[in-house]
Protein backbone atom coordinates (compact mmCIF):
# COMPACT_ATOMS: atom_id res chain seq x y z
CA MET A 1 0.02 -0.05 -0.13
CA THR A 2 1.66 3.25 -1.17
CA HIS A 3 -0.54 5.82 1.28
CA ALA A 4 -1.96 5.20 5.00
CA ARG A 5 -3.63 8.17 6.43
CA THR A 6 -5.69 9.72 8.83
CA PHE A 7 -7.71 12.58 9.22
CA LEU A 8 -10.90 13.51 11.49
CA GLN A 9 -14.18 15.38 10.52
CA ARG A 10 -16.36 16.65 13.40
CA SER A 11 -19.40 17.00 11.24
CA ARG A 12 -21.79 13.99 11.98
CA HIS A 13 -23.75 14.88 9.09
CA ASP A 14 -20.81 13.99 6.09
CA THR A 15 -22.07 12.02 3.73
CA VAL A 16 -19.40 9.40 2.79
CA PHE A 17 -19.63 9.48 -0.96
CA ASN A 18 -18.03 13.07 -0.78
CA PHE A 19 -15.11 11.81 1.26
CA ARG A 20 -12.87 11.84 -1.98
CA ARG A 21 -13.29 15.52 -1.89
CA ARG A 22 -12.38 16.07 1.92
CA VAL A 23 -8.91 13.88 1.32
CA PRO A 24 -5.79 15.94 0.61
CA ASP A 25 -4.94 16.05 -3.29
CA ASP A 26 -1.95 13.67 -2.71
CA LEU A 27 -4.30 11.26 -1.43
CA ARG A 28 -6.77 11.17 -4.52
CA VAL A 29 -6.05 8.20 -6.16
CA ALA A 30 -7.84 5.25 -7.86
CA TYR A 31 -8.72 2.88 -5.46
CA ASP A 32 -7.92 -0.92 -5.64
CA ALA A 33 -9.71 -2.69 -2.68
CA ALA A 34 -9.29 0.35 -0.71
CA LEU A 35 -10.17 0.17 2.93
CA VAL A 36 -12.48 3.58 4.62
CA VAL A 37 -13.08 2.92 8.42
CA VAL A 38 -15.48 5.40 10.01
CA GLY A 39 -15.80 5.18 13.61
CA GLY A 40 -15.70 6.34 17.14
CA PRO A 41 -13.97 4.51 19.81
CA LEU A 42 -13.01 1.14 18.22
CA PHE A 43 -10.73 3.05 15.74
CA LEU A 44 -10.12 6.42 17.19
CA ARG A 45 -9.80 6.73 21.07
CA SER A 46 -10.62 10.69 20.67
CA GLY A 47 -14.35 9.69 20.04
CA ARG A 48 -14.68 12.00 16.95
CA VAL A 49 -15.65 11.11 13.88
CA GLY A 50 -12.85 9.58 11.94
CA VAL A 51 -11.77 8.26 8.91
CA VAL A 52 -8.91 6.02 7.87
CA ILE A 53 -7.93 5.34 4.03
CA VAL A 54 -5.91 2.53 3.13
CA ALA A 55 -5.56 2.59 -0.88
CA GLN A 56 -3.21 1.62 -3.34
CA GLN A 57 -2.27 4.26 -5.82
CA GLN A 58 -2.46 3.50 -9.56
CA GLU A 59 -1.24 5.47 -12.31
CA GLN A 60 -4.34 7.60 -13.04
CA ALA A 61 -7.45 8.19 -10.71
CA PRO A 62 -10.81 8.05 -12.09
CA ALA A 63 -12.76 11.15 -12.65
CA ALA A 64 -15.76 11.78 -10.26
CA PRO A 65 -19.17 12.56 -11.85
CA SER A 66 -19.20 15.68 -13.73
CA HIS A 67 -22.15 18.19 -13.15
CA SER A 68 -22.89 21.65 -12.09
CA GLY A 69 -25.33 21.79 -9.12
CA ARG A 70 -27.25 18.87 -7.97
CA LEU A 71 -29.24 16.99 -9.74
CA GLU A 72 -33.31 15.37 -9.64
CA VAL A 73 -33.24 11.72 -8.56
CA SER A 74 -35.39 8.70 -9.84
CA VAL A 75 -36.18 6.26 -7.36
CA GLU A 76 -37.13 2.47 -7.85
CA LYS A 77 -37.99 0.87 -4.89
CA ASP A 78 -37.83 -3.09 -4.13
CA VAL A 79 -36.19 -4.30 -7.14
CA PRO A 80 -35.33 -7.98 -6.91
CA TYR A 81 -31.47 -8.95 -7.04
CA GLY A 82 -32.31 -12.86 -5.87
CA ALA A 83 -34.73 -15.40 -5.39
CA GLY A 84 -36.01 -17.11 -2.86
CA HIS A 85 -36.68 -14.95 0.02
CA GLU A 86 -38.39 -11.42 0.20
CA ARG A 87 -35.50 -9.66 1.47
CA LEU A 88 -33.34 -10.18 -1.48
CA LYS A 89 -34.35 -6.62 -2.88
CA LEU A 90 -32.63 -3.28 -3.18
CA ASP A 91 -33.56 0.27 -4.09
CA VAL A 92 -31.94 1.89 -7.12
CA TYR A 93 -31.19 5.81 -6.99
CA LEU A 94 -30.42 7.53 -10.15
CA PRO A 95 -29.95 11.13 -11.21
CA LYS A 96 -33.11 12.06 -13.35
CA GLY A 97 -33.67 12.97 -16.86
CA GLU A 98 -30.40 11.01 -18.23
CA ALA A 99 -31.27 8.42 -20.75
CA ALA A 100 -30.54 4.67 -19.67
CA GLY A 101 -27.00 3.64 -19.83
CA ALA A 102 -26.25 7.43 -21.46
CA ARG A 103 -23.27 7.63 -19.04
CA SER A 104 -20.65 5.31 -17.23
CA ARG A 105 -20.84 6.58 -13.52
CA PRO A 106 -19.46 5.44 -10.33
CA ALA A 107 -21.88 3.26 -8.28
CA VAL A 108 -22.31 3.35 -4.33
CA ILE A 109 -23.93 0.16 -2.60
CA PHE A 110 -25.35 1.01 0.82
CA PHE A 111 -25.53 -2.09 3.84
CA HIS A 112 -27.84 -1.46 6.74
CA GLY A 113 -27.06 -2.19 10.35
CA GLY A 114 -29.26 -3.71 12.59
CA GLY A 115 -26.81 -6.16 14.70
CA TRP A 116 -27.45 -8.70 11.69
CA ARG A 117 -30.91 -9.39 13.20
CA GLY A 118 -32.60 -6.28 11.87
CA GLY A 119 -32.85 -3.47 10.17
CA ASP A 120 -33.59 -2.20 6.65
CA LYS A 121 -32.20 -0.52 3.44
CA SER A 122 -34.74 2.46 3.84
CA ARG A 123 -32.03 3.82 6.84
CA PHE A 124 -29.82 4.66 3.63
CA ALA A 125 -32.51 6.34 1.65
CA TRP A 126 -31.06 9.82 2.24
CA HIS A 127 -27.79 8.82 1.89
CA ALA A 128 -28.65 7.21 -1.42
CA SER A 129 -30.79 9.94 -2.57
CA ASP A 130 -27.99 12.28 -1.89
CA ALA A 131 -25.37 10.61 -3.65
CA ALA A 132 -27.93 10.48 -6.88
CA THR A 133 -27.86 14.18 -7.04
CA LEU A 134 -24.23 13.92 -7.17
CA GLY A 135 -24.40 12.15 -10.17
CA TYR A 136 -23.61 8.73 -8.45
CA ALA A 137 -25.92 5.83 -9.17
CA ALA A 138 -26.85 4.80 -5.57
CA PHE A 139 -28.34 1.09 -4.35
CA SER A 140 -29.57 0.44 -0.86
CA ALA A 141 -29.91 -3.23 -0.14
CA ASN A 142 -31.90 -5.51 2.32
CA TYR A 143 -30.15 -9.02 2.96
CA ARG A 144 -31.18 -12.28 5.14
CA LEU A 145 -31.17 -11.90 8.64
CA ALA A 146 -30.28 -13.94 12.15
CA PRO A 147 -31.01 -15.93 13.72
CA GLN A 148 -33.52 -17.48 11.07
CA HIS A 149 -30.01 -17.26 8.50
CA HIS A 150 -26.90 -17.70 10.07
CA TYR A 151 -23.33 -16.53 8.25
CA PRO A 152 -22.36 -16.91 5.72
CA ALA A 153 -26.22 -16.03 4.55
CA ALA A 154 -25.82 -12.17 4.72
CA VAL A 155 -22.32 -12.55 3.25
CA ASP A 156 -23.67 -14.07 0.64
CA ASP A 157 -26.49 -11.95 -0.19
CA ALA A 158 -24.00 -8.67 0.05
CA GLN A 159 -21.62 -10.09 -2.73
CA ARG A 160 -24.67 -11.10 -4.75
CA VAL A 161 -25.71 -7.51 -4.95
CA VAL A 162 -22.50 -6.30 -5.99
CA ARG A 163 -22.11 -8.69 -8.64
CA TRP A 164 -25.98 -7.98 -9.90
CA VAL A 165 -24.91 -4.32 -10.15
CA ARG A 166 -22.30 -5.32 -12.19
CA ALA A 167 -24.50 -7.30 -14.14
CA HIS A 168 -26.45 -4.52 -14.53
CA ALA A 169 -24.30 -1.95 -15.45
CA ALA A 170 -25.85 -1.34 -18.73
CA PRO A 171 -29.00 -0.14 -17.94
CA TYR A 172 -28.16 1.86 -14.64
CA GLY A 173 -24.74 3.34 -16.48
CA VAL A 174 -22.50 2.02 -14.15
CA ASP A 175 -18.80 2.18 -14.49
CA LEU A 176 -17.36 -1.55 -13.29
CA ARG A 177 -14.41 -0.16 -12.19
CA ARG A 178 -15.90 2.25 -9.71
CA VAL A 179 -17.95 0.17 -7.19
CA CYS A 180 -17.95 1.29 -3.51
CA ALA A 181 -19.54 -0.51 -0.72
CA VAL A 182 -21.10 1.70 2.18
CA GLY A 183 -22.42 0.09 5.29
CA SER A 184 -23.00 0.84 9.07
CA SER A 185 -22.53 -1.79 12.26
CA ALA A 186 -23.40 -4.95 10.84
CA GLY A 187 -23.42 -3.56 7.29
CA GLY A 188 -20.00 -2.12 8.00
CA HIS A 189 -19.05 -5.74 8.64
CA LEU A 190 -20.55 -6.89 5.30
CA VAL A 191 -18.93 -4.03 3.33
CA ALA A 192 -15.36 -5.25 4.94
CA LEU A 193 -15.76 -8.48 3.79
CA LEU A 194 -16.67 -7.23 0.23
CA GLY A 195 -13.42 -5.42 0.39
CA ALA A 196 -11.55 -8.36 1.73
CA ARG A 197 -13.05 -11.58 0.19
CA ASP A 198 -13.43 -12.82 -3.45
CA THR A 199 -17.32 -14.54 -4.08
CA ARG A 200 -17.83 -17.64 -2.04
CA ASP A 201 -21.00 -18.72 -3.57
CA ASN A 202 -20.33 -18.50 -7.31
CA SER A 203 -23.27 -21.02 -8.54
CA ASP A 204 -25.34 -18.69 -10.33
CA PRO A 205 -24.62 -18.89 -14.01
CA GLU A 206 -26.04 -15.74 -14.56
CA LEU A 207 -23.57 -13.88 -12.21
CA ALA A 208 -20.51 -16.35 -12.75
CA ARG A 209 -18.47 -13.93 -14.54
CA PHE A 210 -18.99 -11.11 -12.46
CA SER A 211 -16.84 -10.02 -9.15
CA SER A 212 -18.10 -9.09 -5.97
CA ARG A 213 -14.71 -7.45 -4.89
CA VAL A 214 -15.46 -4.17 -4.41
CA THR A 215 -13.18 -0.93 -5.35
CA CYS A 216 -13.75 1.02 -2.33
CA VAL A 217 -15.09 0.00 1.38
CA VAL A 218 -16.51 2.72 3.74
CA ASP A 219 -17.19 1.06 7.24
CA TYR A 220 -18.82 2.89 9.80
CA PHE A 221 -18.12 0.97 12.95
CA GLY A 222 -18.29 -2.12 11.87
CA PRO A 223 -16.59 -4.90 14.01
CA SER A 224 -13.72 -6.52 11.96
CA SER A 225 -12.40 -9.00 14.94
CA PHE A 226 -14.76 -11.38 16.06
CA ALA A 227 -12.06 -13.58 18.20
CA GLY A 228 -11.59 -10.08 20.46
CA MET A 229 -15.42 -10.17 20.93
CA SER A 230 -15.66 -13.68 22.10
CA ALA A 231 -16.06 -12.43 26.12
CA SER A 232 -18.28 -10.07 25.31
CA LYS A 233 -22.02 -10.34 25.94
CA GLU A 234 -22.72 -10.10 22.09
CA ALA A 235 -21.18 -13.72 22.05
CA SER A 236 -23.69 -14.98 24.77
CA GLU A 237 -26.43 -17.21 23.43
CA LYS A 238 -28.50 -14.43 23.19
CA GLY A 239 -26.32 -12.00 21.56
CA ALA A 240 -26.25 -10.58 18.16
CA LEU A 241 -22.79 -12.08 17.21
CA PHE A 242 -23.68 -15.60 18.46
CA GLN A 243 -27.08 -15.41 16.80
CA PHE A 244 -25.56 -14.35 13.57
CA ILE A 245 -22.58 -16.85 13.40
CA GLY A 246 -25.23 -19.72 15.22
CA LYS A 247 -22.06 -21.40 16.99
CA SER A 248 -20.32 -20.22 20.15
CA TYR A 249 -16.52 -19.05 19.69
CA ALA A 250 -15.49 -22.36 21.65
CA ASP A 251 -17.34 -24.53 19.75
CA ALA A 252 -16.37 -23.13 16.40
CA PRO A 253 -13.29 -20.42 16.56
CA ASP A 254 -12.44 -21.44 12.71
CA LEU A 255 -16.06 -20.47 11.80
CA TRP A 256 -15.63 -17.04 13.91
CA ALA A 257 -12.22 -16.35 12.01
CA GLU A 258 -13.76 -17.26 8.71
CA ALA A 259 -16.17 -14.28 9.29
CA SER A 260 -13.84 -11.81 10.68
CA PRO A 261 -12.85 -9.47 8.32
CA LEU A 262 -9.23 -8.92 9.43
CA THR A 263 -8.34 -12.79 9.84
């Protein structure tokens, strides 16, 4: 990695898709599995909103969307990205007034939090809409929840979302090289895995040629090392982490490690 910097922002209303414009000029690089972590005490003991960027510099950075002022937004809700479960749906937010496939724009995909057991794609509706006003193609997705569905169900769903977006790049005008995943809490955990792991389930022939790896990750306080949480209340039988994985750390340490982005 050629760059590893930390900078702080006090505004809790900063939108994640604007972070490139706030990065110093020497860090405005093209991202290859870049990791952006936004969080409080877990990463930055100051308690302020923090951003950590680790990026691999390439020869030329891709340009951000070019437009003047804010754009109107069109919204398409409850678009299925898979079959077999009612939660395999996402909402699409696009700049309004542009012909389908008229341009190639970066995509931002949002994954909600909720302890892997709750939450809804509507939690990022404002962020996704705001991203579209800036010229991005934005998507906010649901995924299967614990305890009915244990790991790796949610991870498989998140990977499928990314591949589905790439498979539909033409109608939505998405640049396959510029796909960013954003998540908070449990969603942050999922997007961290999108930057760190290759596709686990490649059984769908329609998506087989598309990668689930994203070019950039924005992780809002998502847990990154489950072994370090094995003594917390979340690892108890009624805790979110236990119900997400489906087994205790004592019974399945390898599975806990596999589900951790930093392993």
